[in-house]
C-alpha atoms as a PDB file:
ATOM      1  CA  MET A   1      61.497 -59.143  18.987  1.00  0.00           C
ATOM      2  CA  THR A   2      64.341 -56.911  20.205  1.00  0.00           C
ATOM      3  CA  SER A   3      63.773 -53.214  20.766  1.00  0.00           C
ATOM      4  CA  ILE A   4      66.454 -50.883  19.374  1.00  0.00           C
ATOM      5  CA  SER A   5      64.508 -47.696  20.074  1.00  0.00           C
ATOM      6  CA  ARG A   6      61.028 -46.791  21.268  1.00  0.00           C
ATOM      7  CA  ASP A   7      59.681 -47.048  17.729  1.00  0.00           C
ATOM      8  CA  ALA A   8      61.955 -49.642  16.085  1.00  0.00           C
ATOM      9  CA  HIS A   9      62.416 -53.353  16.736  1.00  0.00           C
ATOM     10  CA  TRP A  10      64.399 -56.248  15.223  1.00  0.00           C
ATOM     11  CA  LEU A  11      62.478 -59.442  14.670  1.00  0.00           C
ATOM     12  CA  THR A  12      63.013 -62.716  12.890  1.00  0.00           C
ATOM     13  CA  TRP A  13      60.275 -63.973  10.603  1.00  0.00           C
ATOM     14  CA  GLN A  14      60.632 -67.045   8.389  1.00  0.00           C
ATOM     15  CA  GLN A  15      64.372 -67.059   9.208  1.00  0.00           C
ATOM     16  CA  GLU A  16      64.932 -63.517   7.941  1.00  0.00           C
ATOM     17  CA  SER A  17      65.986 -60.580  10.087  1.00  0.00           C
ATOM     18  CA  LEU A  18      63.689 -57.601   9.751  1.00  0.00           C
ATOM     19  CA  LEU A  19      63.822 -54.068  11.066  1.00  0.00           C
ATOM     20  CA  VAL A  20      60.318 -52.905  11.943  1.00  0.00           C
ATOM     21  CA  VAL A  21      59.689 -49.190  12.444  1.00  0.00           C
ATOM     22  CA  TYR A  22      56.330 -48.084  13.872  1.00  0.00           C
ATOM     23  CA  ASP A  23      54.460 -44.852  13.783  1.00  0.00           C
ATOM     24  CA  LYS A  24      50.855 -44.198  14.840  1.00  0.00           C
ATOM     25  CA  LYS A  25      49.279 -45.164  11.510  1.00  0.00           C
ATOM     26  CA  ALA A  26      51.687 -47.555   9.771  1.00  0.00           C
ATOM     27  CA  PHE A  27      54.845 -49.577  10.058  1.00  0.00           C
ATOM     28  CA  LEU A  28      57.755 -50.372   7.801  1.00  0.00           C
ATOM     29  CA  ALA A  29      59.425 -53.772   7.735  1.00  0.00           C
ATOM     30  CA  CYS A  30      62.774 -53.980   5.967  1.00  0.00           C
ATOM     31  CA  ARG A  31      64.731 -57.170   5.310  1.00  0.00           C
ATOM     32  CA  LEU A  32      68.249 -56.972   6.740  1.00  0.00           C
ATOM     33  CA  PRO A  33      70.070 -57.399   3.371  1.00  0.00           C
ATOM     34  CA  ASN A  34      68.013 -54.511   1.931  1.00  0.00           C
ATOM     35  CA  LEU A  35      68.820 -52.378   4.955  1.00  0.00           C
ATOM     36  CA  ILE A  36      72.536 -53.076   4.504  1.00  0.00           C
ATOM     37  CA  ASN A  37      72.322 -52.159   0.815  1.00  0.00           C
ATOM     38  CA  MET A  38      70.714 -48.825   1.728  1.00  0.00           C
ATOM     39  CA  VAL A  39      73.848 -47.786   3.627  1.00  0.00           C
ATOM     40  CA  SER A  40      76.453 -49.425   1.357  1.00  0.00           C
ATOM     41  CA  SER A  41      77.244 -48.005  -2.043  1.00  0.00           C
ATOM     42  CA  SER A  42      79.309 -49.144  -4.940  1.00  0.00           C
ATOM     43  CA  PRO A  43      81.736 -46.426  -6.028  1.00  0.00           C
ATOM     44  CA  SER A  44      79.896 -46.192  -9.373  1.00  0.00           C
ATOM     45  CA  ALA A  45      76.680 -45.343  -7.492  1.00  0.00           C
ATOM     46  CA  LEU A  46      78.630 -42.485  -5.888  1.00  0.00           C
ATOM     47  CA  GLY A  47      79.702 -41.157  -9.292  1.00  0.00           C
ATOM     48  CA  GLY A  48      82.957 -43.114  -9.333  1.00  0.00           C
ATOM     49  CA  THR A  49      84.802 -44.263 -12.427  1.00  0.00           C
ATOM     50  CA  VAL A  50      87.981 -46.268 -12.872  1.00  0.00           C
ATOM     51  CA  VAL A  51      90.551 -43.881 -14.351  1.00  0.00           C
ATOM     52  CA  PHE A  52      93.630 -46.104 -14.178  1.00  0.00           C
ATOM     53  CA  ALA A  53      94.500 -49.776 -13.874  1.00  0.00           C
ATOM     54  CA  THR A  54      97.810 -51.573 -14.269  1.00  0.00           C
ATOM     55  CA  SER A  55      96.235 -54.409 -16.239  1.00  0.00           C
ATOM     56  CA  SER A  56      93.099 -55.112 -18.194  1.00  0.00           C
ATOM     57  CA  ASP A  57      91.424 -58.105 -19.774  1.00  0.00           C
ATOM     58  CA  HIS A  58      88.605 -57.343 -22.210  1.00  0.00           C
ATOM     59  CA  SER A  59      86.433 -60.050 -20.586  1.00  0.00           C
ATOM     60  CA  HIS A  60      87.159 -58.828 -17.037  1.00  0.00           C
ATOM     61  CA  PRO A  61      87.803 -55.056 -17.156  1.00  0.00           C
ATOM     62  CA  PRO A  62      88.778 -52.917 -14.142  1.00  0.00           C
ATOM     63  CA  ALA A  63      85.376 -51.158 -14.136  1.00  0.00           C
ATOM     64  CA  ASN A  64      83.879 -54.407 -12.802  1.00  0.00           C
ATOM     65  CA  VAL A  65      85.444 -53.636  -9.390  1.00  0.00           C
ATOM     66  CA  ILE A  66      82.977 -50.781  -8.856  1.00  0.00           C
ATOM     67  CA  ASP A  67      79.784 -52.102 -10.451  1.00  0.00           C
ATOM     68  CA  GLY A  68      78.494 -53.601  -7.172  1.00  0.00           C
ATOM     69  CA  ASP A  69      78.129 -57.107  -8.633  1.00  0.00           C
ATOM     70  CA  THR A  70      80.170 -60.029  -7.264  1.00  0.00           C
ATOM     71  CA  GLU A  71      79.468 -62.035 -10.443  1.00  0.00           C
ATOM     72  CA  THR A  72      81.656 -59.644 -12.465  1.00  0.00           C
ATOM     73  CA  PHE A  73      85.308 -58.990 -11.643  1.00  0.00           C
ATOM     74  CA  TRP A  74      88.610 -57.439 -12.664  1.00  0.00           C
ATOM     75  CA  MET A  75      91.347 -59.978 -13.252  1.00  0.00           C
ATOM     76  CA  SER A  76      95.004 -59.065 -13.122  1.00  0.00           C
ATOM     77  CA  THR A  77      97.310 -60.180 -15.887  1.00  0.00           C
ATOM     78  CA  GLY A  78     100.006 -61.390 -13.490  1.00  0.00           C
ATOM     79  CA  MET A  79     102.903 -59.937 -11.478  1.00  0.00           C
ATOM     80  CA  PHE A  80     102.641 -57.409  -8.660  1.00  0.00           C
ATOM     81  CA  PRO A  81     101.874 -54.699  -7.767  1.00  0.00           C
ATOM     82  CA  GLN A  82      98.469 -54.407  -9.460  1.00  0.00           C
ATOM     83  CA  GLN A  83      96.517 -51.189  -9.080  1.00  0.00           C
ATOM     84  CA  VAL A  84      93.089 -49.636  -9.675  1.00  0.00           C
ATOM     85  CA  THR A  85      92.426 -45.907  -9.236  1.00  0.00           C
ATOM     86  CA  ILE A  86      88.843 -44.684  -8.810  1.00  0.00           C
ATOM     87  CA  ARG A  87      87.829 -41.042  -9.354  1.00  0.00           C
ATOM     88  CA  PHE A  88      84.666 -39.615  -7.793  1.00  0.00           C
ATOM     89  CA  GLU A  89      82.596 -36.795  -9.329  1.00  0.00           C
ATOM     90  CA  LYS A  90      82.763 -34.983  -6.004  1.00  0.00           C
ATOM     91  CA  SER A  91      84.528 -35.584  -2.723  1.00  0.00           C
ATOM     92  CA  VAL A  92      83.280 -38.617  -0.750  1.00  0.00           C
ATOM     93  CA  THR A  93      83.806 -39.539   2.890  1.00  0.00           C
ATOM     94  CA  LEU A  94      85.848 -42.704   3.333  1.00  0.00           C
ATOM     95  CA  THR A  95      84.835 -44.496   6.546  1.00  0.00           C
ATOM     96  CA  GLU A  96      84.786 -48.178   5.603  1.00  0.00           C
ATOM     97  CA  LEU A  97      85.567 -50.213   2.505  1.00  0.00           C
ATOM     98  CA  THR A  98      84.506 -53.804   1.883  1.00  0.00           C
ATOM     99  CA  VAL A  99      86.525 -55.675  -0.741  1.00  0.00           C
ATOM    100  CA  GLU A 100      85.482 -59.021  -2.176  1.00  0.00           C
ATOM    101  CA  SER A 101      88.294 -60.726  -4.026  1.00  0.00           C
ATOM    102  CA  TYR A 102      90.157 -63.931  -4.722  1.00  0.00           C
ATOM    103  CA  ASN A 103      93.879 -64.645  -4.178  1.00  0.00           C
ATOM    104  CA  VAL A 104      94.670 -61.155  -2.802  1.00  0.00           C
ATOM    105  CA  LYS A 105      97.312 -61.387  -0.075  1.00  0.00           C
ATOM    106  CA  HIS A 106      98.074 -57.729   0.673  1.00  0.00           C
ATOM    107  CA  LEU A 107      96.135 -54.564  -0.225  1.00  0.00           C
ATOM    108  CA  LYS A 108      97.349 -50.978   0.181  1.00  0.00           C
ATOM    109  CA  ILE A 109      94.718 -48.202   0.199  1.00  0.00           C
ATOM    110  CA  GLU A 110      95.533 -44.592  -0.624  1.00  0.00           C
ATOM    111  CA  GLU A 111      93.465 -41.430  -1.081  1.00  0.00           C
ATOM    112  CA  CYS A 112      93.859 -38.181  -2.971  1.00  0.00           C
ATOM    113  CA  THR A 113      91.988 -34.911  -2.446  1.00  0.00           C
ATOM    114  CA  ALA A 114      93.262 -33.143  -5.572  1.00  0.00           C
ATOM    115  CA  GLY A 115      91.335 -32.799  -8.825  1.00  0.00           C
ATOM    116  CA  ASN A 116      94.035 -34.818 -10.593  1.00  0.00           C
ATOM    117  CA  PRO A 117      95.161 -38.211  -9.283  1.00  0.00           C
ATOM    118  CA  SER A 118      98.497 -37.166  -7.791  1.00  0.00           C
ATOM    119  CA  ASN A 119     100.051 -36.889  -4.326  1.00  0.00           C
ATOM    120  CA  PHE A 120      98.235 -39.885  -2.867  1.00  0.00           C
ATOM    121  CA  GLN A 121      98.272 -40.225   0.915  1.00  0.00           C
ATOM    122  CA  HIS A 122      98.540 -43.608   2.623  1.00  0.00           C
ATOM    123  CA  VAL A 123      95.304 -44.654   4.404  1.00  0.00           C
ATOM    124  CA  THR A 124      95.929 -48.246   5.490  1.00  0.00           C
ATOM    125  CA  ASP A 125      97.231 -51.693   4.551  1.00  0.00           C
ATOM    126  CA  LYS A 126      95.381 -54.974   4.938  1.00  0.00           C
ATOM    127  CA  GLU A 127      96.578 -58.581   4.885  1.00  0.00           C
ATOM    128  CA  PHE A 128      93.901 -60.928   3.515  1.00  0.00           C
ATOM    129  CA  GLU A 129      93.518 -64.537   4.590  1.00  0.00           C
ATOM    130  CA  ARG A 130      93.672 -67.178   1.883  1.00  0.00           C
ATOM    131  CA  THR A 131      90.346 -68.772   0.956  1.00  0.00           C
ATOM    132  CA  GLU A 132      89.635 -71.873  -1.079  1.00  0.00           C
ATOM    133  CA  GLY A 133      86.500 -72.138  -3.174  1.00  0.00           C
ATOM    134  CA  HIS A 134      84.893 -68.851  -2.099  1.00  0.00           C
ATOM    135  CA  LEU A 135      85.588 -65.127  -2.230  1.00  0.00           C
ATOM    136  CA  GLN A 136      87.627 -63.270   0.348  1.00  0.00           C
ATOM    137  CA  SER A 137      85.457 -60.649   2.034  1.00  0.00           C
ATOM    138  CA  ASN A 138      87.272 -57.995   4.047  1.00  0.00           C
ATOM    139  CA  SER A 139      85.831 -54.901   5.708  1.00  0.00           C
ATOM    140  CA  ILE A 140      88.489 -52.266   6.212  1.00  0.00           C
ATOM    141  CA  LEU A 141      88.049 -49.269   8.491  1.00  0.00           C
ATOM    142  CA  LEU A 142      89.310 -46.057   6.921  1.00  0.00           C
ATOM    143  CA  LYS A 143      90.151 -42.647   8.417  1.00  0.00           C
ATOM    144  CA  GLY A 144      86.809 -40.960   7.706  1.00  0.00           C
ATOM    145  CA  SER A 145      88.499 -38.371   5.523  1.00  0.00           C
ATOM    146  CA  SER A 146      87.155 -36.970   2.277  1.00  0.00           C
ATOM    147  CA  ALA A 147      88.747 -37.837  -1.047  1.00  0.00           C
ATOM    148  CA  THR A 148      88.258 -37.368  -4.772  1.00  0.00           C
ATOM    149  CA  HIS A 149      90.348 -40.429  -5.698  1.00  0.00           C
ATOM    150  CA  LEU A 150      90.838 -43.841  -4.123  1.00  0.00           C
ATOM    151  CA  ARG A 151      93.760 -46.063  -5.121  1.00  0.00           C
ATOM    152  CA  LEU A 152      93.701 -49.803  -4.359  1.00  0.00           C
ATOM    153  CA  THR A 153      97.070 -51.509  -4.813  1.00  0.00           C
ATOM    154  CA  VAL A 154      97.472 -55.269  -4.539  1.00  0.00           C
ATOM    155  CA  THR A 155     101.124 -55.629  -3.524  1.00  0.00           C
ATOM    156  CA  ALA A 156     101.079 -59.430  -3.169  1.00  0.00           C
ATOM    157  CA  GLY A 157      98.852 -62.343  -4.075  1.00  0.00           C
ATOM    158  CA  TYR A 158      98.524 -66.000  -3.170  1.00  0.00           C
ATOM    159  CA  ASP A 159      98.898 -66.856  -6.865  1.00  0.00           C
ATOM    160  CA  ALA A 160     100.200 -65.092  -9.980  1.00  0.00           C
ATOM    161  CA  PHE A 161      96.677 -63.873 -10.785  1.00  0.00           C
ATOM    162  CA  ILE A 162      94.109 -62.164  -8.556  1.00  0.00           C
ATOM    163  CA  SER A 163      90.508 -61.145  -9.111  1.00  0.00           C
ATOM    164  CA  MET A 164      88.731 -58.240  -7.454  1.00  0.00           C
ATOM    165  CA  HIS A 165      84.960 -58.682  -7.579  1.00  0.00           C
ATOM    166  CA  ARG A 166      83.535 -55.778  -5.626  1.00  0.00           C
ATOM    167  CA  ALA A 167      84.584 -52.729  -3.629  1.00  0.00           C
ATOM    168  CA  MET A 168      81.809 -51.125  -1.544  1.00  0.00           C
ATOM    169  CA  LEU A 169      81.982 -47.934   0.509  1.00  0.00           C
ATOM    170  CA  HIS A 170      80.019 -47.627   3.750  1.00  0.00           C
END
């Protein structure tokens, strides 16, 4: 057991990491994946909706990017750039974004603070490593600014088609 504060400790039980928090009458044990999910949110959980995409397939629509499920995905219809714009009900703080995808080579991230999706400001670019047989998972540090819109632009892929399975904000 590793102490992280006077009243909280990490421990491993049956090969699972747990956070245990004590008080005088009770304790709380939380599995690590559940703890991570408490601080990570899909954009749809934050009131986000996809308001624009450069391509759409009825079986794999752009809204799948923000549903929090890696089993669903948005698939491009070929050629680059490919783009998804997410609108939030109210301004959200952008500190970190995790993107799970396949065949994405380069991603550009932009934000907008206006009520309408215009005048996007560059946040960062990220080169993804190629993977074979499993999803790419990339955590991208952002500026910590607030935005009403987030635009994800795939400027290059490792193949003609890419899939974006999940985008999570932290």
